[in-house]
C-alpha cells in the first residue's frame, strides 16, 4: 500500500488471551484426583466462567489476563480459593518468546468433609 498525502488508518487490536489449567486433588489422608469439581473465576476478568474437572484436570480457556480469584468446589469437600495475578504476555516478568495463548498452572487441594 502506497500513501500519498493525508490518510486516516483505523486499527483494531485484539487482546491476547490466556489459559488457566491445573488439577484438583484430595488432601491427605485421602488421595487422588477429584472428578466433577467446579473450578470458577469468582472475581476479576471473566468472573462467572466455570468448568468441571476431569481425572486429568481442568482448563479455563480464552481468558483475559489480570487479577483473579479462583474457587474449586465439590459437594462433600471444603471449597478452596486462590488469588492470582496473571501478567499480560510480553509484560515485565513474562518471557517475550511465549506464544499466545499464554498458559498458567494453578492446582487445587480440597479437604474431604468426613472420612475417606
C-alpha atoms as a PDB file:
ATOM      1  CA  UNK A   1       0.000   0.000   0.000  1.00  0.00           C
ATOM      2  CA  UNK A   2       1.380   3.378  -1.000  1.00  0.00           C
ATOM      3  CA  UNK A   3       0.055   6.520   0.682  1.00  0.00           C
ATOM      4  CA  UNK A   4       0.299   9.927  -0.877  1.00  0.00           C
ATOM      5  CA  UNK A   5      -0.936  12.883   1.114  1.00  0.00           C
ATOM      6  CA  UNK A   6      -3.044  12.736   4.275  1.00  0.00           C
ATOM      7  CA  UNK A   7      -4.620   9.444   5.243  1.00  0.00           C
ATOM      8  CA  UNK A   8      -6.555   8.054   8.200  1.00  0.00           C
ATOM      9  CA  UNK A   9      -5.917   4.486   9.294  1.00  0.00           C
ATOM     10  CA  UNK A  10      -8.074   2.603  11.786  1.00  0.00           C
ATOM     11  CA  UNK A  11      -6.554  -0.256  13.778  1.00  0.00           C
ATOM     12  CA  UNK A  12      -8.455  -2.946  15.658  1.00  0.00           C
ATOM     13  CA  UNK A  13      -6.373  -4.554  18.405  1.00  0.00           C
ATOM     14  CA  UNK A  14      -7.308  -7.933  19.813  1.00  0.00           C
ATOM     15  CA  UNK A  15      -6.340  -8.645  23.410  1.00  0.00           C
ATOM     16  CA  UNK A  16      -4.084 -11.676  23.922  1.00  0.00           C
ATOM     17  CA  UNK A  17      -5.919 -14.323  25.947  1.00  0.00           C
ATOM     18  CA  UNK A  18      -4.610 -16.821  28.483  1.00  0.00           C
ATOM     19  CA  UNK A  19      -5.479 -20.337  29.597  1.00  0.00           C
ATOM     20  CA  UNK A  20      -5.558 -21.316  33.277  1.00  0.00           C
ATOM     21  CA  UNK A  21      -5.184 -25.048  33.880  1.00  0.00           C
ATOM     22  CA  UNK A  22      -4.327 -27.487  36.640  1.00  0.00           C
ATOM     23  CA  UNK A  23      -5.516 -30.380  38.758  1.00  0.00           C
ATOM     24  CA  UNK A  24      -7.999 -30.758  41.604  1.00  0.00           C
ATOM     25  CA  UNK A  25      -6.830 -33.342  44.144  1.00  0.00           C
ATOM     26  CA  UNK A  26      -7.780 -34.600  47.613  1.00  0.00           C
ATOM     27  CA  UNK A  27      -5.728 -33.565  50.634  1.00  0.00           C
ATOM     28  CA  UNK A  28      -4.181 -36.220  52.890  1.00  0.00           C
ATOM     29  CA  UNK A  29      -5.097 -38.664  54.330  1.00  0.00           C
ATOM     30  CA  UNK A  30      -7.293 -39.195  51.251  1.00  0.00           C
ATOM     31  CA  UNK A  31      -5.555 -39.163  47.891  1.00  0.00           C
ATOM     32  CA  UNK A  32      -6.252 -38.895  44.204  1.00  0.00           C
ATOM     33  CA  UNK A  33      -7.784 -36.666  41.588  1.00  0.00           C
ATOM     34  CA  UNK A  34     -11.255 -35.234  42.157  1.00  0.00           C
ATOM     35  CA  UNK A  35     -13.587 -35.597  39.192  1.00  0.00           C
ATOM     36  CA  UNK A  36     -16.558 -33.245  38.666  1.00  0.00           C
ATOM     37  CA  UNK A  37     -15.291 -30.435  40.918  1.00  0.00           C
ATOM     38  CA  UNK A  38     -16.343 -26.993  39.701  1.00  0.00           C
ATOM     39  CA  UNK A  39     -13.496 -24.538  39.079  1.00  0.00           C
ATOM     40  CA  UNK A  40     -14.832 -20.991  38.729  1.00  0.00           C
ATOM     41  CA  UNK A  41     -13.478 -17.476  38.295  1.00  0.00           C
ATOM     42  CA  UNK A  42     -15.277 -15.712  41.166  1.00  0.00           C
ATOM     43  CA  UNK A  43     -13.776 -12.230  40.688  1.00  0.00           C
ATOM     44  CA  UNK A  44     -11.678 -10.413  38.127  1.00  0.00           C
ATOM     45  CA  UNK A  45     -11.803 -10.576  34.347  1.00  0.00           C
ATOM     46  CA  UNK A  46     -14.303 -13.113  33.064  1.00  0.00           C
ATOM     47  CA  UNK A  47     -15.897 -13.670  36.510  1.00  0.00           C
ATOM     48  CA  UNK A  48     -18.548 -16.377  36.369  1.00  0.00           C
ATOM     49  CA  UNK A  49     -16.788 -18.604  33.865  1.00  0.00           C
ATOM     50  CA  UNK A  50     -16.567 -22.153  35.224  1.00  0.00           C
ATOM     51  CA  UNK A  51     -15.529 -25.635  34.141  1.00  0.00           C
ATOM     52  CA  UNK A  52     -15.843 -29.112  35.612  1.00  0.00           C
ATOM     53  CA  UNK A  53     -12.680 -31.029  36.452  1.00  0.00           C
ATOM     54  CA  UNK A  54     -11.860 -34.419  34.987  1.00  0.00           C
ATOM     55  CA  UNK A  55      -9.476 -37.061  36.368  1.00  0.00           C
ATOM     56  CA  UNK A  56      -6.695 -35.371  34.378  1.00  0.00           C
ATOM     57  CA  UNK A  57      -7.506 -31.793  35.460  1.00  0.00           C
ATOM     58  CA  UNK A  58      -9.323 -28.684  34.255  1.00  0.00           C
ATOM     59  CA  UNK A  59      -8.728 -25.851  31.794  1.00  0.00           C
ATOM     60  CA  UNK A  60     -10.238 -22.376  31.555  1.00  0.00           C
ATOM     61  CA  UNK A  61      -9.517 -21.133  28.020  1.00  0.00           C
ATOM     62  CA  UNK A  62      -9.619 -17.799  26.254  1.00  0.00           C
ATOM     63  CA  UNK A  63      -9.491 -15.772  29.499  1.00  0.00           C
ATOM     64  CA  UNK A  64      -8.496 -12.102  29.794  1.00  0.00           C
ATOM     65  CA  UNK A  65      -5.311 -11.597  31.824  1.00  0.00           C
ATOM     66  CA  UNK A  66      -5.431  -9.691  35.114  1.00  0.00           C
ATOM     67  CA  UNK A  67      -6.034 -10.323  38.816  1.00  0.00           C
ATOM     68  CA  UNK A  68      -8.317 -13.277  39.589  1.00  0.00           C
ATOM     69  CA  UNK A  69      -9.850 -15.133  42.467  1.00  0.00           C
ATOM     70  CA  UNK A  70     -10.489 -18.778  41.561  1.00  0.00           C
ATOM     71  CA  UNK A  71     -12.513 -21.310  43.541  1.00  0.00           C
ATOM     72  CA  UNK A  72     -12.614 -25.088  43.327  1.00  0.00           C
ATOM     73  CA  UNK A  73     -15.617 -26.718  44.986  1.00  0.00           C
ATOM     74  CA  UNK A  74     -17.483 -30.006  45.139  1.00  0.00           C
ATOM     75  CA  UNK A  75     -20.173 -31.302  47.466  1.00  0.00           C
ATOM     76  CA  UNK A  76     -18.530 -33.191  50.325  1.00  0.00           C
ATOM     77  CA  UNK A  77     -15.348 -31.078  50.244  1.00  0.00           C
ATOM     78  CA  UNK A  78     -14.258 -27.753  51.771  1.00  0.00           C
ATOM     79  CA  UNK A  79     -14.014 -25.207  48.884  1.00  0.00           C
ATOM     80  CA  UNK A  80     -10.567 -23.764  48.136  1.00  0.00           C
ATOM     81  CA  UNK A  81      -9.984 -20.207  46.924  1.00  0.00           C
ATOM     82  CA  UNK A  82      -6.800 -18.761  45.473  1.00  0.00           C
ATOM     83  CA  UNK A  83      -5.919 -15.258  44.286  1.00  0.00           C
ATOM     84  CA  UNK A  84      -3.573 -14.882  41.377  1.00  0.00           C
ATOM     85  CA  UNK A  85      -2.193 -12.128  39.179  1.00  0.00           C
ATOM     86  CA  UNK A  86      -1.717 -13.210  35.571  1.00  0.00           C
ATOM     87  CA  UNK A  87       0.565 -10.763  33.780  1.00  0.00           C
ATOM     88  CA  UNK A  88      -0.116  -9.948  30.168  1.00  0.00           C
ATOM     89  CA  UNK A  89       2.102 -11.831  27.722  1.00  0.00           C
ATOM     90  CA  UNK A  90       5.061  -9.636  26.824  1.00  0.00           C
ATOM     91  CA  UNK A  91       4.939  -7.630  30.082  1.00  0.00           C
ATOM     92  CA  UNK A  92       7.827  -7.459  32.532  1.00  0.00           C
ATOM     93  CA  UNK A  93       8.350 -10.792  34.268  1.00  0.00           C
ATOM     94  CA  UNK A  94       6.983 -12.824  31.371  1.00  0.00           C
ATOM     95  CA  UNK A  95       9.232 -14.234  28.665  1.00  0.00           C
ATOM     96  CA  UNK A  96       8.635 -12.395  25.381  1.00  0.00           C
ATOM     97  CA  UNK A  97       9.061 -15.600  23.369  1.00  0.00           C
ATOM     98  CA  UNK A  98       5.929 -17.283  24.777  1.00  0.00           C
ATOM     99  CA  UNK A  99       3.356 -17.833  22.043  1.00  0.00           C
ATOM    100  CA  UNK A 100      -0.269 -16.855  22.571  1.00  0.00           C
ATOM    101  CA  UNK A 101      -2.313 -18.146  24.272  1.00  0.00           C
ATOM    102  CA  UNK A 102      -0.196 -17.915  27.387  1.00  0.00           C
ATOM    103  CA  UNK A 103      -0.853 -20.760  29.869  1.00  0.00           C
ATOM    104  CA  UNK A 104      -0.795 -20.550  33.679  1.00  0.00           C
ATOM    105  CA  UNK A 105      -0.918 -23.587  36.002  1.00  0.00           C
ATOM    106  CA  UNK A 106      -2.993 -23.427  39.205  1.00  0.00           C
ATOM    107  CA  UNK A 107      -3.573 -26.651  41.152  1.00  0.00           C
ATOM    108  CA  UNK A 108      -6.147 -27.107  43.939  1.00  0.00           C
ATOM    109  CA  UNK A 109      -6.108 -29.340  47.008  1.00  0.00           C
ATOM    110  CA  UNK A 110      -9.532 -29.974  48.589  1.00  0.00           C
ATOM    111  CA  UNK A 111     -10.114 -31.385  52.058  1.00  0.00           C
ATOM    112  CA  UNK A 112     -12.846 -34.021  52.249  1.00  0.00           C
ATOM    113  CA  UNK A 113     -15.608 -33.418  54.807  1.00  0.00           C
ATOM    114  CA  UNK A 114     -15.766 -36.645  56.809  1.00  0.00           C
ATOM    115  CA  UNK A 115     -13.658 -39.740  56.328  1.00  0.00           C
ATOM    116  CA  UNK A 116     -12.147 -41.169  53.147  1.00  0.00           C
END
